[in-house]
Amino acid sequence: MDRPVTALLCRTSDRGPQAAAGTHELAELLDARIVGSPGEPRSAGWEKDLDASRGCLLEAGGQLDDGFTAGRRPVLLAGECSISVGTLPVVVGHHPAARVLWLDAHGDFNTPATTSSGYLGGMCLAGACGLWDTGFGAGLDPARVIMHGVRDVEAGERVALDRSGVYRLEEPAQLAGMTLFVHLDLDVLDPDVFPATYPAAGGLSPRALRELLAQVVRVADVVGAEITAAAPGYGELAADAIAPLLD
């Protein structure tokens, strides 16, 4: 299989059990290789979560590293977007020309200076872009990030996004010929049809997401993907929506 699927169950910044449970359910439906076991969910500031999840974040990056080194197009399932701290620097290391297609309800572009919640998952993309030091490296040029579906952004991160040159996708045709790594947080879907830990009103329908991904893989070279925030009880819906990434 050119796109091997691995599910990572270890805890990063999980606030409840649903992240690991949803990931496990989706992994079984996709016949994915399952790595690790869920940690105890807890509320903690970004510093504690970053330290406590170091092994999980290294594993996330290692899974992509192994896939890229083997000449494959890896797909990683995980509970929270915090894995991007460990994965995106690896993507840049193997595919320096790649752009990151960021499909998410949130920008995750806060820093320790701008975050109001102290949530690591809301800071991961900014860390990978070098706006703050995660200890896991950086290297992703913000101007190589292409966002779609983002609709919940804090004031401080909005300023950072505007200054950094992050691009907003209007039409998939704009991606023609690009090399892409896809970050897909399933909260990009409308919370009325797909529950989210941090719901943001609006969002894509599952059909619209599937059609978008089908167009993306048709016009661009997708070298890998990470998929987070699967909701338990909605595995079949998620599996159908993301199917184009797995073909």
Protein backbone atom coordinates (compact mmCIF):
# COMPACT_ATOMS: atom_id res chain seq x y z
CA MET A 1 0.00 0.00 0.00
CA ASP A 2 1.44 3.32 -1.09
CA ARG A 3 -0.31 5.18 1.74
CA PRO A 4 0.15 3.06 4.90
CA VAL A 5 -2.08 4.19 7.77
CA THR A 6 -0.80 4.30 11.35
CA ALA A 7 -2.90 5.28 14.36
CA LEU A 8 -1.13 6.84 17.31
CA LEU A 9 -3.10 6.47 20.54
CA CYS A 10 -0.69 8.03 23.04
CA ARG A 11 -1.68 11.26 24.79
CA THR A 12 -0.44 14.70 23.79
CA SER A 13 -2.87 17.36 25.05
CA ASP A 14 -6.05 15.29 25.37
CA ARG A 15 -8.58 16.85 27.72
CA GLY A 16 -10.93 13.87 27.64
CA PRO A 17 -11.10 10.25 26.47
CA GLN A 18 -12.91 10.97 23.21
CA ALA A 19 -9.79 11.78 21.16
CA ALA A 20 -8.15 8.40 21.69
CA ALA A 21 -11.47 6.55 21.45
CA GLY A 22 -12.34 8.18 18.13
CA THR A 23 -8.87 7.53 16.75
CA HIS A 24 -9.05 3.87 17.74
CA GLU A 25 -12.48 3.44 16.15
CA LEU A 26 -11.37 5.02 12.89
CA ALA A 27 -8.16 2.98 12.92
CA GLU A 28 -10.08 -0.27 13.13
CA LEU A 29 -12.35 0.73 10.26
CA LEU A 30 -9.31 1.56 8.12
CA ASP A 31 -7.37 -1.54 9.22
CA ALA A 32 -4.61 0.78 10.39
CA ARG A 33 -1.58 -0.25 12.38
CA ILE A 34 -2.15 0.86 15.98
CA VAL A 35 0.76 2.21 18.02
CA GLY A 36 0.71 3.02 21.72
CA SER A 37 -2.07 3.20 24.24
CA PRO A 38 -4.13 6.12 25.58
CA GLY A 39 -2.71 8.10 28.47
CA GLU A 40 -4.85 9.52 31.23
CA PRO A 41 -6.66 12.64 29.94
CA ARG A 42 -6.02 15.75 31.98
CA SER A 43 -6.06 19.52 31.84
CA ALA A 44 -2.60 21.01 31.85
CA GLY A 45 -0.81 24.05 30.51
CA TRP A 46 1.21 23.82 27.33
CA GLU A 47 4.53 23.53 29.16
CA LYS A 48 3.46 20.47 31.13
CA ASP A 49 1.81 18.86 28.12
CA LEU A 50 4.85 19.49 25.94
CA ASP A 51 7.10 17.83 28.50
CA ALA A 52 4.75 14.95 29.31
CA SER A 53 4.04 14.13 25.68
CA ARG A 54 7.63 14.24 24.46
CA GLY A 55 7.70 10.50 23.74
CA CYS A 56 4.41 10.65 21.84
CA LEU A 57 5.53 13.63 19.77
CA LEU A 58 8.80 11.92 18.91
CA GLU A 59 6.87 8.81 17.92
CA ALA A 60 4.60 10.87 15.67
CA GLY A 61 7.58 12.35 13.85
CA GLY A 62 9.26 8.96 13.74
CA GLN A 63 6.29 7.34 12.05
CA LEU A 64 6.40 9.88 9.25
CA ASP A 65 10.18 9.65 9.03
CA ASP A 66 9.97 5.88 8.58
CA GLY A 67 7.31 6.21 5.91
CA PHE A 68 9.14 8.87 3.93
CA THR A 69 12.44 7.00 4.18
CA ALA A 70 10.74 3.90 2.77
CA GLY A 71 9.49 5.91 -0.18
CA ARG A 72 5.86 5.75 0.92
CA ARG A 73 3.15 8.33 1.49
CA PRO A 74 2.32 7.89 5.17
CA VAL A 75 -1.01 8.71 6.77
CA LEU A 76 -1.02 9.24 10.52
CA LEU A 77 -4.13 9.22 12.72
CA ALA A 78 -3.95 10.90 16.13
CA GLY A 79 -6.21 12.40 18.73
CA GLU A 80 -4.98 15.98 18.85
CA CYS A 81 -3.31 18.49 16.55
CA SER A 82 -0.43 18.78 19.01
CA ILE A 83 1.31 16.04 17.03
CA SER A 84 2.15 18.71 14.44
CA VAL A 85 4.89 19.89 16.80
CA GLY A 86 6.69 16.63 16.03
CA THR A 87 5.48 15.87 12.51
CA LEU A 88 5.75 19.04 10.44
CA PRO A 89 9.50 19.56 10.98
CA VAL A 90 9.95 15.98 9.71
CA VAL A 91 7.84 16.73 6.64
CA VAL A 92 10.04 19.75 5.86
CA GLY A 93 13.18 17.67 6.34
CA HIS A 94 12.09 15.09 3.76
CA HIS A 95 10.12 17.35 1.42
CA PRO A 96 11.53 20.88 1.66
CA ALA A 97 9.48 22.00 -1.33
CA ALA A 98 6.20 20.76 0.13
CA ARG A 99 3.41 23.03 1.21
CA VAL A 100 1.12 22.19 4.11
CA LEU A 101 -2.60 22.20 3.38
CA TRP A 102 -4.12 23.06 6.77
CA LEU A 103 -7.75 21.89 6.95
CA ASP A 104 -8.96 22.82 10.41
CA ALA A 105 -11.55 24.94 12.18
CA HIS A 106 -8.70 26.62 14.07
CA GLY A 107 -5.48 28.31 13.06
CA ASP A 108 -3.44 26.76 15.90
CA PHE A 109 -1.14 29.74 15.42
CA ASN A 110 -0.90 30.97 19.00
CA THR A 111 2.38 31.31 20.87
CA PRO A 112 3.08 31.37 24.61
CA ALA A 113 2.72 35.14 24.39
CA THR A 114 -0.69 35.16 22.67
CA THR A 115 -2.55 32.07 23.90
CA SER A 116 -5.49 32.71 26.20
CA SER A 117 -6.06 29.04 27.02
CA GLY A 118 -2.52 27.70 27.34
CA TYR A 119 -3.57 24.77 25.15
CA LEU A 120 -0.70 23.12 23.30
CA GLY A 121 -2.94 22.06 20.43
CA GLY A 122 -3.69 25.70 19.70
CA MET A 123 0.01 26.50 19.34
CA CYS A 124 1.35 23.63 17.27
CA LEU A 125 1.44 25.17 13.80
CA ALA A 126 3.10 28.33 15.11
CA GLY A 127 5.73 26.14 16.78
CA ALA A 128 6.46 24.22 13.59
CA CYS A 129 6.81 27.57 11.81
CA GLY A 130 9.37 28.74 14.38
CA LEU A 131 7.29 31.41 16.09
CA TRP A 132 8.20 29.80 19.41
CA ASP A 133 10.70 27.14 20.45
CA THR A 134 9.05 23.75 20.94
CA GLY A 135 12.31 21.85 21.30
CA PHE A 136 11.34 19.69 18.30
CA GLY A 137 12.69 21.91 15.56
CA ALA A 138 10.81 24.03 13.07
CA GLY A 139 11.67 24.91 9.50
CA LEU A 140 8.19 25.32 8.03
CA ASP A 141 7.91 28.66 6.23
CA PRO A 142 4.49 30.13 7.15
CA ALA A 143 4.17 31.32 3.55
CA ARG A 144 4.08 27.63 2.55
CA VAL A 145 1.01 26.98 4.69
CA ILE A 146 -2.35 27.01 2.88
CA MET A 147 -5.43 27.18 5.12
CA HIS A 148 -8.99 26.19 4.39
CA GLY A 149 -11.97 25.92 6.72
CA VAL A 150 -10.33 27.97 9.48
CA ARG A 151 -13.01 30.04 11.18
CA ASP A 152 -12.09 30.31 14.87
CA VAL A 153 -9.00 32.47 15.39
CA GLU A 154 -7.97 34.46 18.46
CA ALA A 155 -6.96 38.11 18.13
CA GLY A 156 -3.27 37.52 18.78
CA GLU A 157 -2.92 34.67 16.34
CA ARG A 158 -4.87 36.57 13.69
CA VAL A 159 -2.19 39.28 13.79
CA ALA A 160 0.53 36.63 13.48
CA LEU A 161 -1.26 34.95 10.57
CA ASP A 162 -1.65 38.24 8.73
CA ARG A 163 2.02 39.12 9.22
CA SER A 164 3.41 35.70 8.33
CA GLY A 165 1.97 35.34 4.85
CA VAL A 166 -0.13 32.24 5.47
CA TYR A 167 -2.25 31.67 2.39
CA ARG A 168 -6.02 31.05 2.26
CA LEU A 169 -7.32 28.54 -0.27
CA GLU A 170 -10.27 29.60 -2.39
CA GLU A 171 -10.35 26.91 -5.08
CA PRO A 172 -8.57 23.52 -5.23
CA ALA A 173 -7.38 24.41 -8.74
CA GLN A 174 -4.95 26.79 -7.05
CA LEU A 175 -3.07 23.73 -5.79
CA ALA A 176 -2.34 22.37 -9.25
CA GLY A 177 1.16 20.94 -9.54
CA MET A 178 2.03 21.54 -5.88
CA THR A 179 3.63 19.05 -3.52
CA LEU A 180 1.40 18.89 -0.45
CA PHE A 181 1.27 17.42 3.01
CA VAL A 182 -2.29 17.47 4.33
CA HIS A 183 -3.10 18.30 7.93
CA LEU A 184 -6.76 17.45 8.51
CA ASP A 185 -8.43 18.17 11.82
CA LEU A 186 -11.91 16.71 11.50
CA ASP A 187 -13.34 19.68 13.38
CA VAL A 188 -13.18 21.35 9.97
CA LEU A 189 -16.55 19.63 9.58
CA ASP A 190 -19.74 21.30 10.73
CA PRO A 191 -20.23 20.44 14.44
CA ASP A 192 -23.94 19.92 13.75
CA VAL A 193 -23.02 16.75 11.85
CA PHE A 194 -19.67 15.81 13.42
CA PRO A 195 -19.02 16.52 17.13
CA ALA A 196 -15.88 18.40 18.09
CA THR A 197 -14.06 19.00 21.36
CA TYR A 198 -13.72 22.65 20.40
CA PRO A 199 -16.67 23.24 18.07
CA ALA A 200 -16.78 26.20 15.73
CA ALA A 201 -20.06 27.03 14.04
CA GLY A 202 -20.25 26.43 10.32
CA GLY A 203 -17.76 24.21 8.59
CA LEU A 204 -17.83 21.70 5.78
CA SER A 205 -20.31 18.92 5.26
CA PRO A 206 -18.78 15.42 5.04
CA ARG A 207 -19.66 15.33 1.35
CA ALA A 208 -17.98 18.69 0.75
CA LEU A 209 -14.83 17.50 2.52
CA ARG A 210 -14.72 14.32 0.47
CA GLU A 211 -15.15 16.29 -2.75
CA LEU A 212 -12.46 18.76 -1.72
CA LEU A 213 -9.98 16.00 -0.93
CA ALA A 214 -10.78 14.24 -4.20
CA GLN A 215 -9.94 17.43 -6.09
CA VAL A 216 -6.78 17.96 -4.05
CA VAL A 217 -5.35 14.51 -4.78
CA ARG A 218 -6.29 14.92 -8.43
CA VAL A 219 -4.41 18.19 -9.00
CA ALA A 220 -1.55 17.97 -6.48
CA ASP A 221 1.10 15.49 -5.36
CA VAL A 222 0.05 14.55 -1.82
CA VAL A 223 3.11 13.10 -0.07
CA GLY A 224 1.37 12.26 3.21
CA ALA A 225 -1.27 13.30 5.69
CA GLU A 226 -2.14 13.52 9.36
CA ILE A 227 -5.75 13.25 10.50
CA THR A 228 -6.84 14.24 13.99
CA ALA A 229 -9.91 14.63 16.20
CA ALA A 230 -12.05 11.71 15.06
CA ALA A 231 -15.21 11.62 17.17
CA PRO A 232 -16.22 8.27 18.68
CA GLY A 233 -19.39 6.91 17.15
CA TYR A 234 -18.73 8.70 13.86
CA GLY A 235 -16.01 6.49 12.44
CA GLU A 236 -17.86 5.42 9.31
CA LEU A 237 -18.74 9.01 8.46
CA ALA A 238 -15.11 10.06 8.93
CA ALA A 239 -13.78 7.12 6.93
CA ASP A 240 -16.01 7.97 4.00
CA ALA A 241 -15.11 11.67 4.10
CA ILE A 242 -11.34 11.04 4.07
CA ALA A 243 -11.40 8.19 1.56
CA PRO A 244 -9.70 10.16 -1.24
CA LEU A 245 -6.58 10.55 0.91
CA LEU A 246 -6.27 6.78 1.21
CA ASP A 247 -6.65 5.76 -2.44
